[in-house]
C-alpha cells in the first residue's frame, strides 16, 4: 500500500469521525487541543485522491491496460 493510499484512508476516516463531532478546539484542565479544520482535511483528501488516481493509472499502463482516460480521435 502506498503512502498516498494510506493517507487518503486516514483522512477519510478522520472526516467520518468529525461529522458527528463538530468541535475543532477544546480545553480540559488547562490543556488545549486544536484539530485540523475540515476545510484543510478536504484539501488534503483532494490532493491524496489525485495521487492515488495517478498511481492507479500508472499501474494500469504498466499492465498494458491504458490509463483509464478516454481519448477521442476524429479522422
N, C-alpha and C. Protein backbone atom coordinates (compact mmCIF):
# COMPACT_ATOMS: atom_id res chain seq x y z
N UNK A 1 0.85 -1.17 0.00
CA UNK A 1 0.00 0.00 0.00
C UNK A 1 0.90 1.23 0.00
N UNK A 2 0.60 2.18 -0.88
CA UNK A 2 1.43 3.36 -1.00
C UNK A 2 1.13 4.37 0.12
N UNK A 3 2.02 5.33 0.25
CA UNK A 3 1.83 6.39 1.24
C UNK A 3 0.54 7.16 0.94
N UNK A 4 0.31 7.49 -0.33
CA UNK A 4 -0.88 8.25 -0.71
C UNK A 4 -2.15 7.48 -0.36
N UNK A 5 -2.16 6.17 -0.60
CA UNK A 5 -3.33 5.35 -0.28
C UNK A 5 -3.57 5.32 1.23
N UNK A 6 -2.50 5.17 1.99
CA UNK A 6 -2.60 5.15 3.45
C UNK A 6 -3.13 6.48 3.98
N UNK A 7 -2.58 7.58 3.46
CA UNK A 7 -3.00 8.91 3.92
C UNK A 7 -4.45 9.19 3.53
N UNK A 8 -4.85 8.80 2.32
CA UNK A 8 -6.23 9.02 1.90
C UNK A 8 -7.19 8.27 2.82
N UNK A 9 -6.88 7.04 3.15
CA UNK A 9 -7.73 6.26 4.06
C UNK A 9 -7.80 6.91 5.44
N UNK A 10 -6.66 7.41 5.93
CA UNK A 10 -6.63 8.04 7.25
C UNK A 10 -7.45 9.34 7.26
N UNK A 11 -7.30 10.14 6.22
CA UNK A 11 -8.04 11.40 6.15
C UNK A 11 -9.54 11.14 6.06
N UNK A 12 -9.92 10.17 5.25
CA UNK A 12 -11.34 9.85 5.13
C UNK A 12 -11.90 9.32 6.46
N UNK A 13 -11.10 8.58 7.18
CA UNK A 13 -11.51 8.08 8.49
C UNK A 13 -11.72 9.24 9.47
N UNK A 14 -10.80 10.18 9.46
CA UNK A 14 -10.92 11.35 10.34
C UNK A 14 -12.17 12.15 9.97
N UNK A 15 -12.39 12.35 8.67
CA UNK A 15 -13.57 13.09 8.25
C UNK A 15 -14.86 12.41 8.68
N UNK A 16 -14.90 11.10 8.57
CA UNK A 16 -16.09 10.35 9.01
C UNK A 16 -16.33 10.56 10.51
N UNK A 17 -15.27 10.54 11.29
CA UNK A 17 -15.41 10.74 12.72
C UNK A 17 -15.78 12.16 13.09
N UNK A 18 -15.35 13.11 12.28
CA UNK A 18 -15.61 14.51 12.58
C UNK A 18 -17.02 14.94 12.22
N UNK A 19 -17.70 14.20 11.40
CA UNK A 19 -19.05 14.57 11.00
C UNK A 19 -19.96 14.68 12.22
N UNK A 20 -19.78 13.78 13.17
CA UNK A 20 -20.65 13.78 14.35
C UNK A 20 -20.14 14.69 15.46
N UNK A 21 -18.86 15.02 15.45
CA UNK A 21 -18.28 15.89 16.48
C UNK A 21 -17.76 17.16 15.80
N UNK A 22 -18.47 18.25 16.00
CA UNK A 22 -18.11 19.47 15.28
C UNK A 22 -17.17 20.39 16.05
N UNK A 23 -16.57 19.92 17.11
CA UNK A 23 -15.65 20.73 17.91
C UNK A 23 -14.25 20.65 17.30
N UNK A 24 -13.67 21.83 17.02
CA UNK A 24 -12.32 21.86 16.46
C UNK A 24 -11.28 22.21 17.51
N UNK A 25 -11.71 22.78 18.62
CA UNK A 25 -10.76 23.15 19.68
C UNK A 25 -11.47 23.04 21.02
N UNK A 26 -10.75 22.50 22.00
CA UNK A 26 -11.29 22.46 23.35
C UNK A 26 -10.17 22.42 24.36
N UNK A 27 -10.51 22.78 25.60
CA UNK A 27 -9.54 22.82 26.69
C UNK A 27 -10.07 22.00 27.85
N UNK A 28 -9.19 21.15 28.39
CA UNK A 28 -9.53 20.34 29.56
C UNK A 28 -8.38 20.46 30.55
N UNK A 29 -8.67 20.88 31.76
CA UNK A 29 -7.68 21.00 32.82
C UNK A 29 -6.45 21.79 32.38
N UNK A 30 -6.68 22.88 31.67
CA UNK A 30 -5.59 23.74 31.25
C UNK A 30 -4.85 23.28 30.01
N UNK A 31 -5.19 22.12 29.47
CA UNK A 31 -4.56 21.64 28.24
C UNK A 31 -5.50 21.88 27.08
N UNK A 32 -4.93 22.39 26.01
CA UNK A 32 -5.74 22.76 24.84
C UNK A 32 -5.44 21.82 23.68
N UNK A 33 -6.48 21.44 22.96
CA UNK A 33 -6.33 20.60 21.78
C UNK A 33 -7.03 21.30 20.62
N UNK A 34 -6.32 21.45 19.52
CA UNK A 34 -6.89 22.05 18.31
C UNK A 34 -6.79 21.03 17.19
N UNK A 35 -7.91 20.74 16.57
CA UNK A 35 -7.95 19.78 15.47
C UNK A 35 -7.77 20.50 14.14
N UNK A 36 -7.34 19.76 13.14
CA UNK A 36 -7.20 20.32 11.79
C UNK A 36 -8.59 20.70 11.30
N UNK A 37 -8.75 21.92 10.79
CA UNK A 37 -10.06 22.33 10.28
C UNK A 37 -10.52 21.42 9.13
N UNK A 38 -11.82 21.22 9.03
CA UNK A 38 -12.38 20.34 8.00
C UNK A 38 -11.99 20.82 6.60
N UNK A 39 -11.92 22.13 6.40
CA UNK A 39 -11.55 22.66 5.08
C UNK A 39 -10.16 22.16 4.67
N UNK A 40 -9.23 22.15 5.62
CA UNK A 40 -7.88 21.65 5.33
C UNK A 40 -7.89 20.16 5.05
N UNK A 41 -8.67 19.41 5.82
CA UNK A 41 -8.77 17.97 5.59
C UNK A 41 -9.32 17.69 4.19
N UNK A 42 -10.30 18.48 3.76
CA UNK A 42 -10.86 18.29 2.42
C UNK A 42 -9.82 18.59 1.34
N UNK A 43 -8.98 19.60 1.56
CA UNK A 43 -7.90 19.91 0.61
C UNK A 43 -6.91 18.75 0.55
N UNK A 44 -6.53 18.24 1.73
CA UNK A 44 -5.59 17.11 1.76
C UNK A 44 -6.20 15.88 1.09
N UNK A 45 -7.50 15.66 1.34
CA UNK A 45 -8.16 14.50 0.73
C UNK A 45 -8.13 14.62 -0.79
N UNK A 46 -8.39 15.80 -1.30
CA UNK A 46 -8.36 16.02 -2.75
C UNK A 46 -6.96 15.77 -3.31
N UNK A 47 -5.94 16.27 -2.61
CA UNK A 47 -4.56 16.07 -3.04
C UNK A 47 -4.20 14.59 -3.08
N UNK A 48 -4.47 13.88 -1.99
CA UNK A 48 -4.12 12.46 -1.94
C UNK A 48 -4.99 11.62 -2.87
N UNK A 49 -6.23 12.02 -3.07
CA UNK A 49 -7.08 11.29 -4.01
C UNK A 49 -6.51 11.39 -5.43
N UNK A 50 -6.00 12.57 -5.79
CA UNK A 50 -5.36 12.76 -7.09
C UNK A 50 -4.12 11.88 -7.22
N UNK A 51 -3.32 11.81 -6.16
CA UNK A 51 -2.12 10.97 -6.18
C UNK A 51 -2.47 9.50 -6.33
N UNK A 52 -3.49 9.05 -5.60
CA UNK A 52 -3.92 7.65 -5.70
C UNK A 52 -4.41 7.35 -7.10
N UNK A 53 -5.20 8.25 -7.68
CA UNK A 53 -5.69 8.04 -9.04
C UNK A 53 -4.54 7.99 -10.05
N UNK A 54 -3.53 8.83 -9.87
CA UNK A 54 -2.36 8.81 -10.75
C UNK A 54 -1.60 7.50 -10.61
N UNK A 55 -1.47 7.00 -9.38
CA UNK A 55 -0.80 5.71 -9.16
C UNK A 55 -1.57 4.57 -9.82
N UNK A 56 -2.89 4.61 -9.71
CA UNK A 56 -3.71 3.57 -10.34
C UNK A 56 -3.57 3.61 -11.86
N UNK A 57 -3.56 4.82 -12.43
CA UNK A 57 -3.40 4.96 -13.88
C UNK A 57 -2.03 4.43 -14.32
N UNK A 58 -0.98 4.76 -13.56
CA UNK A 58 0.36 4.27 -13.89
C UNK A 58 0.43 2.75 -13.81
N UNK A 59 -0.25 2.18 -12.83
CA UNK A 59 -0.28 0.73 -12.69
C UNK A 59 -1.01 0.09 -13.87
N UNK A 60 -2.14 0.69 -14.29
CA UNK A 60 -2.87 0.16 -15.44
C UNK A 60 -2.03 0.24 -16.70
N UNK A 61 -1.31 1.34 -16.87
CA UNK A 61 -0.44 1.49 -18.05
C UNK A 61 0.66 0.45 -18.03
N UNK A 62 1.25 0.21 -16.86
CA UNK A 62 2.32 -0.79 -16.73
C UNK A 62 1.82 -2.19 -17.09
N UNK A 63 0.53 -2.44 -16.83
CA UNK A 63 -0.04 -3.75 -17.17
C UNK A 63 -0.56 -3.77 -18.60
N UNK A 64 -0.41 -2.68 -19.33
CA UNK A 64 -0.85 -2.62 -20.72
C UNK A 64 -2.34 -2.41 -20.90
N UNK A 65 -3.02 -1.90 -19.89
CA UNK A 65 -4.46 -1.74 -19.95
C UNK A 65 -4.89 -0.31 -20.31
N UNK A 66 -3.98 0.60 -20.49
CA UNK A 66 -4.33 2.00 -20.74
C UNK A 66 -4.50 2.74 -19.44
N UNK A 67 -4.58 4.05 -19.53
CA UNK A 67 -4.64 4.88 -18.32
C UNK A 67 -6.03 4.94 -17.70
N UNK A 68 -7.04 4.54 -18.46
CA UNK A 68 -8.40 4.65 -17.95
C UNK A 68 -9.08 5.92 -18.40
N UNK A 69 -8.34 6.78 -19.09
CA UNK A 69 -8.91 8.01 -19.64
C UNK A 69 -9.29 7.76 -21.09
N UNK A 70 -10.39 8.31 -21.52
CA UNK A 70 -10.81 8.16 -22.90
C UNK A 70 -10.11 9.19 -23.76
N UNK A 71 -9.64 8.75 -24.89
CA UNK A 71 -9.04 9.65 -25.86
C UNK A 71 -9.85 9.51 -27.13
N UNK A 72 -10.45 10.59 -27.55
CA UNK A 72 -11.28 10.56 -28.75
C UNK A 72 -10.50 11.19 -29.90
N UNK A 73 -10.54 10.51 -31.03
CA UNK A 73 -9.81 11.00 -32.21
C UNK A 73 -10.79 11.00 -33.38
N UNK A 74 -10.70 12.02 -34.17
CA UNK A 74 -11.53 12.11 -35.37
C UNK A 74 -10.62 12.16 -36.58
N UNK A 75 -10.90 11.31 -37.56
CA UNK A 75 -10.10 11.26 -38.79
C UNK A 75 -10.87 11.81 -39.94
